Each structure stands twice: as C-alpha cells, then as structure tokens.
Amino acid sequence: MNNFIVFEGICCSGKTTLCNKLSEKIKEINYKPIYNHGAMTYTDLGREFKQLLGKKDMTITTLYFFTDLIINTKNVIRTYVAKPDTIVLQDRYYDAITTYINAYGEYYNKDYNIYRISDALVENDVLLKPSLNVFCVPPYEIIIERMEKSKNSPVHDLYREHSKFLRLVYDELERKAKECPNSIIIDTSSESSTNDGIEKILNFIKNNNVI
C-alpha cells in the first residue's frame, strides 16, 4: 500500500486548500485523487464527537475519535486504497488526536501521552500506516489571524477561548512533524511555499511508484 497520503495540521493550517490544489496536479499525472476528511465527519458518532469537545472528559472524546477513525479506516479508506490508479488524500488521521490529547495533558500538567495507542493500532493493522505524512505548519501568527476570521464551531470556539491551549497544540504538532519519519513539512502561509510543498509531494509520488 503506497497510495495513502495523510495531511496533518491544526485548525486553519491550510490542509483542505492544499489538498484541493494537489488534487488538480495529481489529475495532470493521470492518477485519481480521493479526498477523505476522515474521522468526525461522515458518521453520527463522529459528528457527535465535535459537539462533545470541551464538554466531556477527554478520555471519553478520545474513545469517540478512535472508534470513528477505525470505522472510517475499515469502511472507507481501505476501499479507496485498493482501487487502481488512485491516491487517497486523508485530511487528518491519528496524529490529529494524539498530539491534541498530549497537549491537553500538558495544559493541565498531566501525562496524557497516548502515542503508543496509535502505534499499536498500526502495528496490528487496525489503522493504516501512511505512505507519506504531510504536516501543514504555517507560522503561529498566521494561525491566529485565520482563526479570528474562521467560522464558529465547537473546535474553533474552544481554541479561541483558550489561546494557551491553542499554542500547546500547535507546538506539539510542530514537534511531531519534525520527529516523524517519511514526512514533508509545508509552510502554507504563502502561495509560493504551498506550491513548493506540492512539488515535493508530486516528486514523492513519481519517485516511489505510488500505485
């Protein structure tokens, strides 16, 4: 399986915009891009998770996230990656929740490191190991500007109300991006840096016989 590209980044980091631009480029090299928003989107359980943020203990919301992610992997992602000439562009996967929860623990001076859980699920083929991890990491100031203009939602509202927590999540994701093997970090703050990142992804696709 070499056609599963995961995009990680905090809210307003430019993941969706990057995926849209990349999709057009992928079509030009005769592959079919499939954009999958993944957990928290397509099932009642996932949508309920978004409403629980900030209202229930993080242990409960983490269970919701992983359960929905496992269902999505089984019913959606595995179906897509099995299709010929198809490249799956996954908007967030397990790093989204593990970095978030680790930062939440730091916010309350507790050990909430759950990285071993996602590692075990990948090792046992419950979750898929990405072919490539793409981290969208614009400067923190850009995140703040975009967040102020973004829509109202439980997640965005939580970040706007707790700026210290937003910073901790950003820092944790940036740290994870630097440590993650087989990854590309993209500064999505400008069109030129975004385009440079897209070229790196396309080179990976061409040089690694993705399909």
N, C-alpha and C. Protein backbone atom coordinates (compact mmCIF):
# COMPACT_ATOMS: atom_id res chain seq x y z
N MET A 1 0.85 -1.18 0.00
CA MET A 1 0.00 0.00 0.00
C MET A 1 0.89 1.24 0.00
N ASN A 2 0.86 1.94 -1.10
CA ASN A 2 1.78 3.07 -1.25
C ASN A 2 1.07 4.31 -1.77
N ASN A 3 -0.25 4.37 -1.58
CA ASN A 3 -1.02 5.48 -2.14
C ASN A 3 -1.90 6.16 -1.10
N PHE A 4 -1.43 6.19 0.15
CA PHE A 4 -2.19 6.75 1.25
C PHE A 4 -1.40 7.91 1.86
N ILE A 5 -1.77 9.13 1.51
CA ILE A 5 -1.05 10.33 1.96
C ILE A 5 -1.90 11.06 2.99
N VAL A 6 -1.33 11.26 4.16
CA VAL A 6 -2.06 11.88 5.26
C VAL A 6 -1.59 13.32 5.46
N PHE A 7 -2.56 14.21 5.67
CA PHE A 7 -2.27 15.62 5.89
C PHE A 7 -2.68 15.99 7.31
N GLU A 8 -1.72 16.46 8.07
CA GLU A 8 -1.97 16.85 9.45
C GLU A 8 -1.71 18.34 9.64
N GLY A 9 -2.41 18.91 10.58
CA GLY A 9 -2.22 20.32 10.88
C GLY A 9 -3.31 20.79 11.81
N ILE A 10 -3.02 21.82 12.58
CA ILE A 10 -4.02 22.38 13.47
C ILE A 10 -5.11 23.05 12.64
N CYS A 11 -6.24 23.36 13.23
CA CYS A 11 -7.30 24.06 12.51
C CYS A 11 -6.76 25.33 11.87
N CYS A 12 -7.20 25.63 10.66
CA CYS A 12 -6.80 26.82 9.91
C CYS A 12 -5.36 26.76 9.42
N SER A 13 -4.80 25.56 9.33
CA SER A 13 -3.41 25.42 8.87
C SER A 13 -3.30 25.27 7.36
N GLY A 14 -4.43 25.18 6.67
CA GLY A 14 -4.38 25.13 5.20
C GLY A 14 -4.42 23.75 4.59
N LYS A 15 -4.81 22.75 5.35
CA LYS A 15 -4.84 21.37 4.84
C LYS A 15 -5.78 21.19 3.65
N THR A 16 -7.01 21.67 3.82
CA THR A 16 -8.02 21.47 2.78
C THR A 16 -7.64 22.21 1.50
N THR A 17 -7.16 23.44 1.64
CA THR A 17 -6.74 24.21 0.47
C THR A 17 -5.59 23.52 -0.25
N LEU A 18 -4.63 23.01 0.52
CA LEU A 18 -3.50 22.28 -0.05
C LEU A 18 -4.00 21.04 -0.81
N CYS A 19 -4.90 20.29 -0.20
CA CYS A 19 -5.42 19.07 -0.84
C CYS A 19 -6.16 19.40 -2.14
N ASN A 20 -6.89 20.48 -2.16
CA ASN A 20 -7.61 20.88 -3.37
C ASN A 20 -6.65 21.20 -4.51
N LYS A 21 -5.59 21.93 -4.20
CA LYS A 21 -4.60 22.28 -5.22
C LYS A 21 -3.84 21.04 -5.68
N LEU A 22 -3.48 20.20 -4.73
CA LEU A 22 -2.74 18.99 -5.05
C LEU A 22 -3.58 18.06 -5.91
N SER A 23 -4.87 17.99 -5.65
CA SER A 23 -5.75 17.11 -6.42
C SER A 23 -5.69 17.43 -7.90
N GLU A 24 -5.67 18.69 -8.23
CA GLU A 24 -5.61 19.09 -9.64
C GLU A 24 -4.29 18.67 -10.28
N LYS A 25 -3.22 18.77 -9.53
CA LYS A 25 -1.90 18.37 -10.04
C LYS A 25 -1.82 16.85 -10.23
N ILE A 26 -2.44 16.12 -9.30
CA ILE A 26 -2.43 14.66 -9.40
C ILE A 26 -3.19 14.20 -10.64
N LYS A 27 -4.27 14.87 -10.96
CA LYS A 27 -5.03 14.53 -12.17
C LYS A 27 -4.18 14.72 -13.42
N GLU A 28 -3.29 15.72 -13.38
CA GLU A 28 -2.44 16.00 -14.54
C GLU A 28 -1.44 14.89 -14.81
N ILE A 29 -1.12 14.10 -13.78
CA ILE A 29 -0.19 12.98 -14.00
C ILE A 29 -0.94 11.64 -14.06
N ASN A 30 -2.24 11.77 -14.37
CA ASN A 30 -3.09 10.61 -14.70
C ASN A 30 -3.37 9.66 -13.53
N TYR A 31 -3.45 10.23 -12.33
CA TYR A 31 -3.95 9.47 -11.19
C TYR A 31 -5.26 10.09 -10.74
N LYS A 32 -6.04 9.33 -9.99
CA LYS A 32 -7.31 9.81 -9.48
C LYS A 32 -7.17 10.13 -8.00
N PRO A 33 -7.27 11.41 -7.61
CA PRO A 33 -7.18 11.75 -6.19
C PRO A 33 -8.52 11.54 -5.49
N ILE A 34 -8.49 10.98 -4.31
CA ILE A 34 -9.68 10.82 -3.48
C ILE A 34 -9.44 11.57 -2.18
N TYR A 35 -10.22 12.62 -1.94
CA TYR A 35 -10.09 13.39 -0.71
C TYR A 35 -11.02 12.81 0.34
N ASN A 36 -10.47 12.47 1.51
CA ASN A 36 -11.27 11.90 2.59
C ASN A 36 -11.04 12.70 3.86
N HIS A 37 -12.11 13.30 4.36
CA HIS A 37 -11.99 14.12 5.56
C HIS A 37 -11.88 13.28 6.82
N GLY A 38 -12.21 12.00 6.71
CA GLY A 38 -11.94 11.08 7.80
C GLY A 38 -12.81 11.23 9.02
N ALA A 39 -12.21 11.01 10.17
CA ALA A 39 -12.94 10.97 11.44
C ALA A 39 -13.65 12.29 11.71
N MET A 40 -14.76 12.20 12.42
CA MET A 40 -15.56 13.34 12.87
C MET A 40 -16.44 13.91 11.77
N THR A 41 -16.57 13.23 10.64
CA THR A 41 -17.25 13.84 9.51
C THR A 41 -18.43 13.04 8.99
N TYR A 42 -18.24 11.76 8.74
CA TYR A 42 -19.21 11.01 7.95
C TYR A 42 -20.18 10.16 8.76
N THR A 43 -19.96 9.99 10.04
CA THR A 43 -20.86 9.16 10.84
C THR A 43 -21.49 9.99 11.96
N ASP A 44 -22.63 9.50 12.46
CA ASP A 44 -23.28 10.19 13.58
C ASP A 44 -22.35 10.25 14.79
N LEU A 45 -21.59 9.16 14.99
CA LEU A 45 -20.65 9.10 16.10
C LEU A 45 -19.58 10.19 15.97
N GLY A 46 -19.05 10.35 14.75
CA GLY A 46 -18.02 11.35 14.52
C GLY A 46 -18.53 12.76 14.70
N ARG A 47 -19.71 13.02 14.18
CA ARG A 47 -20.29 14.36 14.32
C ARG A 47 -20.61 14.68 15.78
N GLU A 48 -21.01 13.65 16.52
CA GLU A 48 -21.29 13.84 17.94
C GLU A 48 -20.01 14.19 18.69
N PHE A 49 -18.88 13.64 18.24
CA PHE A 49 -17.59 13.94 18.88
C PHE A 49 -17.34 15.44 18.89
N LYS A 50 -17.61 16.10 17.77
CA LYS A 50 -17.34 17.53 17.68
C LYS A 50 -18.14 18.31 18.72
N GLN A 51 -19.34 17.84 18.98
CA GLN A 51 -20.18 18.53 19.95
C GLN A 51 -19.75 18.29 21.39
N LEU A 52 -18.95 17.24 21.59
CA LEU A 52 -18.51 16.89 22.95
C LEU A 52 -17.27 17.65 23.38
N LEU A 53 -16.53 18.20 22.42
CA LEU A 53 -15.28 18.86 22.77
C LEU A 53 -15.53 19.99 23.77
N GLY A 54 -14.75 19.96 24.83
CA GLY A 54 -14.88 20.99 25.85
C GLY A 54 -16.01 20.75 26.83
N LYS A 55 -16.82 19.70 26.59
CA LYS A 55 -17.97 19.44 27.44
C LYS A 55 -17.81 18.15 28.25
N LYS A 56 -17.12 17.17 27.67
CA LYS A 56 -16.89 15.91 28.36
C LYS A 56 -15.40 15.70 28.57
N ASP A 57 -15.09 14.80 29.48
CA ASP A 57 -13.68 14.49 29.75
C ASP A 57 -13.00 14.00 28.48
N MET A 58 -11.74 14.34 28.33
CA MET A 58 -11.01 13.98 27.11
C MET A 58 -10.87 12.47 26.93
N THR A 59 -10.95 11.71 28.01
CA THR A 59 -10.92 10.25 27.87
C THR A 59 -12.09 9.78 27.03
N ILE A 60 -13.26 10.36 27.25
CA ILE A 60 -14.47 9.98 26.51
C ILE A 60 -14.36 10.43 25.06
N THR A 61 -13.96 11.65 24.83
CA THR A 61 -13.89 12.16 23.46
C THR A 61 -12.82 11.42 22.65
N THR A 62 -11.75 11.01 23.32
CA THR A 62 -10.71 10.24 22.63
C THR A 62 -11.26 8.89 22.16
N LEU A 63 -12.07 8.25 22.99
CA LEU A 63 -12.69 6.99 22.60
C LEU A 63 -13.60 7.19 21.39
N TYR A 64 -14.35 8.28 21.39
CA TYR A 64 -15.20 8.59 20.24
C TYR A 64 -14.35 8.73 18.97
N PHE A 65 -13.26 9.47 19.08
CA PHE A 65 -12.42 9.73 17.92
C PHE A 65 -11.84 8.44 17.35
N PHE A 66 -11.21 7.64 18.21
CA PHE A 66 -10.58 6.41 17.73
C PHE A 66 -11.60 5.43 17.16
N THR A 67 -12.76 5.33 17.81
CA THR A 67 -13.79 4.43 17.30
C THR A 67 -14.24 4.84 15.92
N ASP A 68 -14.50 6.13 15.74
CA ASP A 68 -14.92 6.63 14.43
C ASP A 68 -13.81 6.47 13.40
N LEU A 69 -12.57 6.68 13.82
CA LEU A 69 -11.43 6.55 12.91
C LEU A 69 -11.26 5.11 12.44
N ILE A 70 -11.44 4.16 13.35
CA ILE A 70 -11.33 2.75 12.99
C ILE A 70 -12.44 2.36 12.00
N ILE A 71 -13.66 2.84 12.25
CA ILE A 71 -14.77 2.56 11.34
C ILE A 71 -14.49 3.16 9.96
N ASN A 72 -13.99 4.38 9.94
CA ASN A 72 -13.69 5.04 8.67
C ASN A 72 -12.58 4.32 7.92
N THR A 73 -11.59 3.84 8.65
CA THR A 73 -10.49 3.10 8.02
C THR A 73 -11.01 1.83 7.38
N LYS A 74 -11.84 1.12 8.08
CA LYS A 74 -12.37 -0.15 7.57
C LYS A 74 -13.30 0.04 6.39
N ASN A 75 -14.24 0.97 6.50
CA ASN A 75 -15.31 1.08 5.52
C ASN A 75 -15.02 2.03 4.36
N VAL A 76 -14.09 2.96 4.57
CA VAL A 76 -13.85 3.97 3.54
C VAL A 76 -12.42 3.91 3.01
N ILE A 77 -11.45 4.10 3.90
CA ILE A 77 -10.06 4.23 3.45
C ILE A 77 -9.56 2.97 2.76
N ARG A 78 -9.79 1.81 3.37
CA ARG A 78 -9.30 0.56 2.76
C ARG A 78 -9.94 0.31 1.39
N THR A 79 -11.17 0.73 1.22
CA THR A 79 -11.83 0.60 -0.08
C THR A 79 -11.16 1.47 -1.12
N TYR A 80 -10.83 2.69 -0.72
CA TYR A 80 -10.19 3.63 -1.66
C TYR A 80 -8.78 3.20 -2.04
N VAL A 81 -7.98 2.80 -1.05
CA VAL A 81 -6.57 2.48 -1.35
C VAL A 81 -6.45 1.22 -2.20
N ALA A 82 -7.50 0.42 -2.24
CA ALA A 82 -7.48 -0.80 -3.05
C ALA A 82 -7.78 -0.53 -4.52
N LYS A 83 -8.26 0.67 -4.83
CA LYS A 83 -8.61 0.99 -6.21
C LYS A 83 -7.35 1.31 -7.02
N PRO A 84 -7.27 0.83 -8.26
CA PRO A 84 -6.09 1.11 -9.10
C PRO A 84 -6.02 2.58 -9.51
N ASP A 85 -4.79 3.07 -9.64
CA ASP A 85 -4.54 4.44 -10.10
C ASP A 85 -5.18 5.50 -9.21
N THR A 86 -5.35 5.18 -7.95
CA THR A 86 -6.00 6.11 -7.02
C THR A 86 -5.03 6.50 -5.91
N ILE A 87 -5.05 7.77 -5.55
CA ILE A 87 -4.25 8.26 -4.44
C ILE A 87 -5.19 8.87 -3.42
N VAL A 88 -5.16 8.36 -2.20
CA VAL A 88 -6.03 8.84 -1.14
C VAL A 88 -5.35 10.00 -0.41
N LEU A 89 -6.03 11.13 -0.34
CA LEU A 89 -5.55 12.30 0.39
C LEU A 89 -6.38 12.39 1.67
N GLN A 90 -5.80 11.98 2.77
CA GLN A 90 -6.51 11.88 4.04
C GLN A 90 -6.31 13.14 4.86
N ASP A 91 -7.39 13.88 5.08
CA ASP A 91 -7.34 15.11 5.88
C ASP A 91 -7.43 14.72 7.35
N ARG A 92 -6.28 14.61 8.00
CA ARG A 92 -6.10 14.19 9.39
C ARG A 92 -6.30 12.69 9.55
N TYR A 93 -5.45 12.14 10.44
CA TYR A 93 -5.57 10.73 10.77
C TYR A 93 -5.27 10.61 12.27
N TYR A 94 -4.45 9.69 12.71
CA TYR A 94 -4.30 9.50 14.16
C TYR A 94 -3.42 10.55 14.83
N ASP A 95 -2.52 11.21 14.10
CA ASP A 95 -1.71 12.25 14.74
C ASP A 95 -2.58 13.42 15.20
N ALA A 96 -3.73 13.59 14.58
CA ALA A 96 -4.63 14.68 14.97
C ALA A 96 -5.06 14.54 16.42
N ILE A 97 -5.42 13.33 16.82
CA ILE A 97 -5.90 13.13 18.19
C ILE A 97 -4.76 12.95 19.19
N THR A 98 -3.70 12.26 18.79
CA THR A 98 -2.61 12.01 19.76
C THR A 98 -1.89 13.30 20.14
N THR A 99 -1.65 14.18 19.19
CA THR A 99 -1.00 15.45 19.51
C THR A 99 -1.93 16.34 20.32
N TYR A 100 -3.19 16.32 19.97
CA TYR A 100 -4.19 17.15 20.66
C TYR A 100 -4.30 16.74 22.14
N ILE A 101 -4.40 15.44 22.37
CA ILE A 101 -4.55 14.95 23.74
C ILE A 101 -3.28 15.15 24.55
N ASN A 102 -2.13 14.98 23.92
CA ASN A 102 -0.87 15.20 24.63
C ASN A 102 -0.76 16.66 25.07
N ALA A 103 -1.17 17.57 24.19
CA ALA A 103 -1.16 18.99 24.53
C ALA A 103 -2.17 19.30 25.63
N TYR A 104 -3.29 18.63 25.59
CA TYR A 104 -4.32 18.81 26.63
C TYR A 104 -3.77 18.42 28.00
N GLY A 105 -3.03 17.32 28.03
CA GLY A 105 -2.42 16.91 29.28
C GLY A 105 -1.42 17.93 29.78
N GLU A 106 -0.64 18.46 28.86
CA GLU A 106 0.33 19.49 29.25
C GLU A 106 -0.38 20.72 29.80
N TYR A 107 -1.51 21.05 29.21
CA TYR A 107 -2.30 22.21 29.64
C TYR A 107 -2.71 22.08 31.11
N TYR A 108 -2.99 20.83 31.53
CA TYR A 108 -3.41 20.58 32.91
C TYR A 108 -2.33 19.91 33.76
N ASN A 109 -1.10 19.96 33.25
CA ASN A 109 0.04 19.38 33.98
C ASN A 109 -0.17 17.90 34.31
N LYS A 110 -0.65 17.15 33.31
CA LYS A 110 -0.85 15.72 33.46
C LYS A 110 -0.20 14.99 32.29
N ASP A 111 0.07 13.71 32.49
CA ASP A 111 0.65 12.90 31.42
C ASP A 111 -0.47 12.26 30.61
N TYR A 112 -0.73 12.85 29.43
CA TYR A 112 -1.77 12.34 28.55
C TYR A 112 -1.15 11.82 27.24
N ASN A 113 0.04 11.30 27.35
CA ASN A 113 0.72 10.77 26.16
C ASN A 113 0.04 9.46 25.74
N ILE A 114 -0.60 9.47 24.57
CA ILE A 114 -1.29 8.27 24.07
C ILE A 114 -0.72 7.82 22.72
N TYR A 115 0.49 8.23 22.41
CA TYR A 115 1.08 7.84 21.12
C TYR A 115 1.20 6.32 20.97
N ARG A 116 1.40 5.63 22.08
CA ARG A 116 1.55 4.18 22.00
C ARG A 116 0.27 3.50 21.50
N ILE A 117 -0.88 4.12 21.75
CA ILE A 117 -2.15 3.55 21.29
C ILE A 117 -2.22 3.52 19.77
N SER A 118 -1.92 4.64 19.14
CA SER A 118 -1.96 4.68 17.67
C SER A 118 -0.88 3.77 17.09
N ASP A 119 0.29 3.71 17.73
CA ASP A 119 1.35 2.81 17.26
C ASP A 119 0.88 1.36 17.27
N ALA A 120 0.21 0.97 18.36
CA ALA A 120 -0.27 -0.41 18.48
C ALA A 120 -1.34 -0.72 17.44
N LEU A 121 -2.22 0.24 17.17
CA LEU A 121 -3.28 0.03 16.19
C LEU A 121 -2.70 -0.10 14.78
N VAL A 122 -1.64 0.62 14.50
CA VAL A 122 -0.97 0.49 13.20
C VAL A 122 -0.23 -0.84 13.11
N GLU A 123 0.49 -1.19 14.17
CA GLU A 123 1.25 -2.44 14.19
C GLU A 123 0.34 -3.66 13.98
N ASN A 124 -0.90 -3.55 14.44
CA ASN A 124 -1.85 -4.66 14.33
C ASN A 124 -2.80 -4.50 13.15
N ASP A 125 -2.49 -3.58 12.26
CA ASP A 125 -3.22 -3.38 11.01
C ASP A 125 -4.68 -2.98 11.23
N VAL A 126 -4.96 -2.34 12.36
CA VAL A 126 -6.29 -1.79 12.58
C VAL A 126 -6.38 -0.43 11.91
N LEU A 127 -5.33 0.37 12.06
CA LEU A 127 -5.16 1.61 11.30
C LEU A 127 -4.06 1.39 10.27
N LEU A 128 -4.08 2.20 9.22
CA LEU A 128 -3.09 2.07 8.16
C LEU A 128 -1.90 2.98 8.40
N LYS A 129 -0.73 2.50 8.07
CA LYS A 129 0.46 3.35 8.11
C LYS A 129 0.50 4.20 6.84
N PRO A 130 0.57 5.50 6.98
CA PRO A 130 0.59 6.36 5.78
C PRO A 130 1.81 6.11 4.90
N SER A 131 1.62 6.24 3.62
CA SER A 131 2.76 6.21 2.70
C SER A 131 3.63 7.44 2.91
N LEU A 132 2.95 8.56 3.18
CA LEU A 132 3.64 9.83 3.40
C LEU A 132 2.82 10.66 4.36
N ASN A 133 3.50 11.31 5.31
CA ASN A 133 2.84 12.25 6.23
C ASN A 133 3.19 13.68 5.80
N VAL A 134 2.19 14.47 5.56
CA VAL A 134 2.39 15.87 5.19
C VAL A 134 1.86 16.73 6.33
N PHE A 135 2.73 17.55 6.91
CA PHE A 135 2.33 18.42 8.01
C PHE A 135 2.25 19.86 7.52
N CYS A 136 1.09 20.45 7.67
CA CYS A 136 0.89 21.86 7.30
C CYS A 136 1.18 22.72 8.52
N VAL A 137 2.29 23.44 8.48
CA VAL A 137 2.73 24.20 9.65
C VAL A 137 3.13 25.62 9.24
N PRO A 138 2.14 26.51 9.06
CA PRO A 138 2.47 27.91 8.84
C PRO A 138 2.89 28.55 10.16
N PRO A 139 3.46 29.76 10.14
CA PRO A 139 3.81 30.42 11.40
C PRO A 139 2.58 30.55 12.31
N TYR A 140 2.84 30.52 13.59
CA TYR A 140 1.74 30.56 14.57
C TYR A 140 0.89 31.82 14.40
N GLU A 141 1.53 32.93 14.06
CA GLU A 141 0.79 34.18 13.89
C GLU A 141 -0.24 34.07 12.77
N ILE A 142 0.07 33.29 11.75
CA ILE A 142 -0.87 33.08 10.65
C ILE A 142 -2.08 32.29 11.13
N ILE A 143 -1.83 31.29 11.98
CA ILE A 143 -2.93 30.51 12.55
C ILE A 143 -3.87 31.42 13.33
N ILE A 144 -3.31 32.31 14.12
CA ILE A 144 -4.11 33.24 14.92
C ILE A 144 -4.98 34.12 14.01
N GLU A 145 -4.38 34.66 12.96
CA GLU A 145 -5.12 35.52 12.02
C GLU A 145 -6.27 34.76 11.37
N ARG A 146 -5.98 33.55 10.92
CA ARG A 146 -7.01 32.76 10.25
C ARG A 146 -8.10 32.33 11.24
N MET A 147 -7.69 32.00 12.45
CA MET A 147 -8.65 31.55 13.46
C MET A 147 -9.65 32.66 13.80
N GLU A 148 -9.17 33.88 13.85
CA GLU A 148 -10.04 35.01 14.18
C GLU A 148 -11.11 35.22 13.12
N LYS A 149 -10.80 34.84 11.88
CA LYS A 149 -11.73 35.03 10.77
C LYS A 149 -12.55 33.78 10.46
N SER A 150 -12.26 32.69 11.15
CA SER A 150 -12.88 31.41 10.81
C SER A 150 -14.30 31.31 11.37
N LYS A 151 -15.01 30.30 10.89
CA LYS A 151 -16.40 30.08 11.28
C LYS A 151 -16.50 29.69 12.75
N ASN A 152 -17.70 29.84 13.29
CA ASN A 152 -17.96 29.35 14.64
C ASN A 152 -18.16 27.84 14.59
N SER A 153 -17.47 27.14 15.47
CA SER A 153 -17.61 25.70 15.60
C SER A 153 -17.11 25.32 16.99
N PRO A 154 -17.54 24.16 17.52
CA PRO A 154 -17.07 23.78 18.86
C PRO A 154 -15.54 23.77 18.98
N VAL A 155 -14.86 23.27 17.93
CA VAL A 155 -13.40 23.19 17.99
C VAL A 155 -12.78 24.58 17.92
N HIS A 156 -13.18 25.37 16.93
CA HIS A 156 -12.62 26.70 16.77
C HIS A 156 -12.92 27.58 17.98
N ASP A 157 -14.15 27.47 18.48
CA ASP A 157 -14.53 28.27 19.65
C ASP A 157 -13.68 27.91 20.87
N LEU A 158 -13.40 26.60 21.03
CA LEU A 158 -12.57 26.15 22.14
C LEU A 158 -11.18 26.77 22.05
N TYR A 159 -10.61 26.77 20.84
CA TYR A 159 -9.29 27.36 20.66
C TYR A 159 -9.30 28.86 20.91
N ARG A 160 -10.33 29.54 20.41
CA ARG A 160 -10.38 30.99 20.59
C ARG A 160 -10.52 31.39 22.06
N GLU A 161 -11.20 30.53 22.81
CA GLU A 161 -11.41 30.83 24.23
C GLU A 161 -10.20 30.46 25.08
N HIS A 162 -9.33 29.60 24.56
CA HIS A 162 -8.17 29.12 25.33
C HIS A 162 -6.91 29.23 24.47
N SER A 163 -6.39 30.43 24.37
CA SER A 163 -5.25 30.69 23.48
C SER A 163 -4.00 29.92 23.92
N LYS A 164 -3.84 29.71 25.22
CA LYS A 164 -2.68 28.95 25.69
C LYS A 164 -2.75 27.51 25.19
N PHE A 165 -3.94 26.93 25.21
CA PHE A 165 -4.13 25.57 24.73
C PHE A 165 -3.86 25.49 23.23
N LEU A 166 -4.33 26.48 22.48
CA LEU A 166 -4.07 26.54 21.04
C LEU A 166 -2.57 26.50 20.77
N ARG A 167 -1.82 27.27 21.53
CA ARG A 167 -0.37 27.31 21.35
C ARG A 167 0.26 25.96 21.67
N LEU A 168 -0.21 25.30 22.71
CA LEU A 168 0.34 24.00 23.08
C LEU A 168 0.09 22.95 21.99
N VAL A 169 -1.12 22.98 21.41
CA VAL A 169 -1.43 22.03 20.33
C VAL A 169 -0.54 22.32 19.12
N TYR A 170 -0.38 23.59 18.80
CA TYR A 170 0.48 23.97 17.67
C TYR A 170 1.91 23.48 17.89
N ASP A 171 2.45 23.73 19.07
CA ASP A 171 3.84 23.33 19.37
C ASP A 171 4.01 21.82 19.33
N GLU A 172 3.01 21.09 19.86
CA GLU A 172 3.10 19.64 19.88
C GLU A 172 3.06 19.07 18.45
N LEU A 173 2.22 19.63 17.61
CA LEU A 173 2.13 19.15 16.24
C LEU A 173 3.41 19.49 15.46
N GLU A 174 3.98 20.66 15.73
CA GLU A 174 5.23 21.03 15.08
C GLU A 174 6.35 20.09 15.52
N ARG A 175 6.38 19.74 16.80
CA ARG A 175 7.39 18.80 17.30
C ARG A 175 7.22 17.44 16.64
N LYS A 176 5.98 16.99 16.57
CA LYS A 176 5.69 15.69 15.95
C LYS A 176 6.11 15.69 14.49
N ALA A 177 5.87 16.78 13.80
CA ALA A 177 6.23 16.88 12.38
C ALA A 177 7.73 16.72 12.18
N LYS A 178 8.51 17.32 13.06
CA LYS A 178 9.96 17.26 12.94
C LYS A 178 10.50 15.87 13.26
N GLU A 179 9.80 15.13 14.11
CA GLU A 179 10.28 13.81 14.52
C GLU A 179 9.77 12.69 13.62
N CYS A 180 8.69 12.94 12.90
CA CYS A 180 8.03 11.88 12.12
C CYS A 180 8.87 11.49 10.91
N PRO A 181 9.18 10.19 10.76
CA PRO A 181 9.92 9.74 9.58
C PRO A 181 9.03 9.79 8.34
N ASN A 182 9.65 9.87 7.19
CA ASN A 182 8.91 9.87 5.93
C ASN A 182 7.83 10.94 5.91
N SER A 183 8.25 12.17 6.17
CA SER A 183 7.28 13.27 6.24
C SER A 183 7.79 14.49 5.48
N ILE A 184 6.84 15.35 5.13
CA ILE A 184 7.12 16.63 4.48
C ILE A 184 6.42 17.71 5.30
N ILE A 185 7.15 18.76 5.65
CA ILE A 185 6.56 19.89 6.37
C ILE A 185 6.39 21.04 5.38
N ILE A 186 5.17 21.59 5.34
CA ILE A 186 4.87 22.66 4.38
C ILE A 186 4.39 23.90 5.12
N ASP A 187 5.02 25.02 4.81
CA ASP A 187 4.57 26.32 5.30
C ASP A 187 3.49 26.81 4.34
N THR A 188 2.23 26.76 4.79
CA THR A 188 1.12 27.12 3.92
C THR A 188 0.73 28.60 4.02
N SER A 189 1.66 29.43 4.48
CA SER A 189 1.33 30.84 4.68
C SER A 189 1.36 31.65 3.39
N SER A 190 1.96 31.11 2.33
CA SER A 190 2.01 31.83 1.06
C SER A 190 1.79 30.87 -0.10
N GLU A 191 1.45 31.42 -1.24
CA GLU A 191 1.21 30.59 -2.42
C GLU A 191 2.49 29.93 -2.88
N SER A 192 3.62 30.66 -2.80
CA SER A 192 4.88 30.09 -3.27
C SER A 192 5.35 28.93 -2.40
N SER A 193 5.25 29.07 -1.09
CA SER A 193 5.68 27.98 -0.20
C SER A 193 4.73 26.79 -0.31
N THR A 194 3.46 27.06 -0.53
CA THR A 194 2.49 25.98 -0.72
C THR A 194 2.80 25.23 -2.01
N ASN A 195 3.10 25.97 -3.07
CA ASN A 195 3.44 25.33 -4.35
C ASN A 195 4.73 24.52 -4.25
N ASP A 196 5.69 25.02 -3.49
CA ASP A 196 6.93 24.26 -3.28
C ASP A 196 6.62 22.93 -2.59
N GLY A 197 5.70 22.97 -1.62
CA GLY A 197 5.31 21.76 -0.92
C GLY A 197 4.62 20.78 -1.84
N ILE A 198 3.77 21.29 -2.71
CA ILE A 198 3.07 20.43 -3.67
C ILE A 198 4.06 19.73 -4.58
N GLU A 199 5.08 20.44 -5.01
CA GLU A 199 6.11 19.83 -5.87
C GLU A 199 6.83 18.70 -5.15
N LYS A 200 7.09 18.87 -3.87
CA LYS A 200 7.74 17.81 -3.09
C LYS A 200 6.86 16.57 -3.02
N ILE A 201 5.57 16.79 -2.83
CA ILE A 201 4.64 15.65 -2.77
C ILE A 201 4.58 14.95 -4.13
N LEU A 202 4.51 15.72 -5.20
CA LEU A 202 4.46 15.13 -6.54
C LEU A 202 5.74 14.34 -6.83
N ASN A 203 6.87 14.86 -6.39
CA ASN A 203 8.14 14.13 -6.58
C ASN A 203 8.12 12.81 -5.82
N PHE A 204 7.54 12.84 -4.62
CA PHE A 204 7.41 11.59 -3.86
C PHE A 204 6.55 10.59 -4.63
N ILE A 205 5.44 11.05 -5.17
CA ILE A 205 4.54 10.17 -5.91
C ILE A 205 5.25 9.57 -7.13
N LYS A 206 5.99 10.41 -7.84
CA LYS A 206 6.65 9.94 -9.06
C LYS A 206 7.83 9.03 -8.76
N ASN A 207 8.54 9.31 -7.68
CA ASN A 207 9.78 8.57 -7.38
C ASN A 207 9.57 7.30 -6.57
N ASN A 208 8.38 7.12 -6.04
CA ASN A 208 8.15 5.98 -5.15
C ASN A 208 7.12 5.00 -5.70
N ASN A 209 6.81 5.11 -6.99
CA ASN A 209 5.86 4.18 -7.59
C ASN A 209 4.63 4.01 -6.72
N VAL A 210 3.95 5.12 -6.49
CA VAL A 210 2.86 5.16 -5.51
C VAL A 210 1.82 4.09 -5.78
N ILE A 211 1.48 3.86 -7.01
CA ILE A 211 0.44 2.87 -7.30
C ILE A 211 1.10 1.52 -7.55
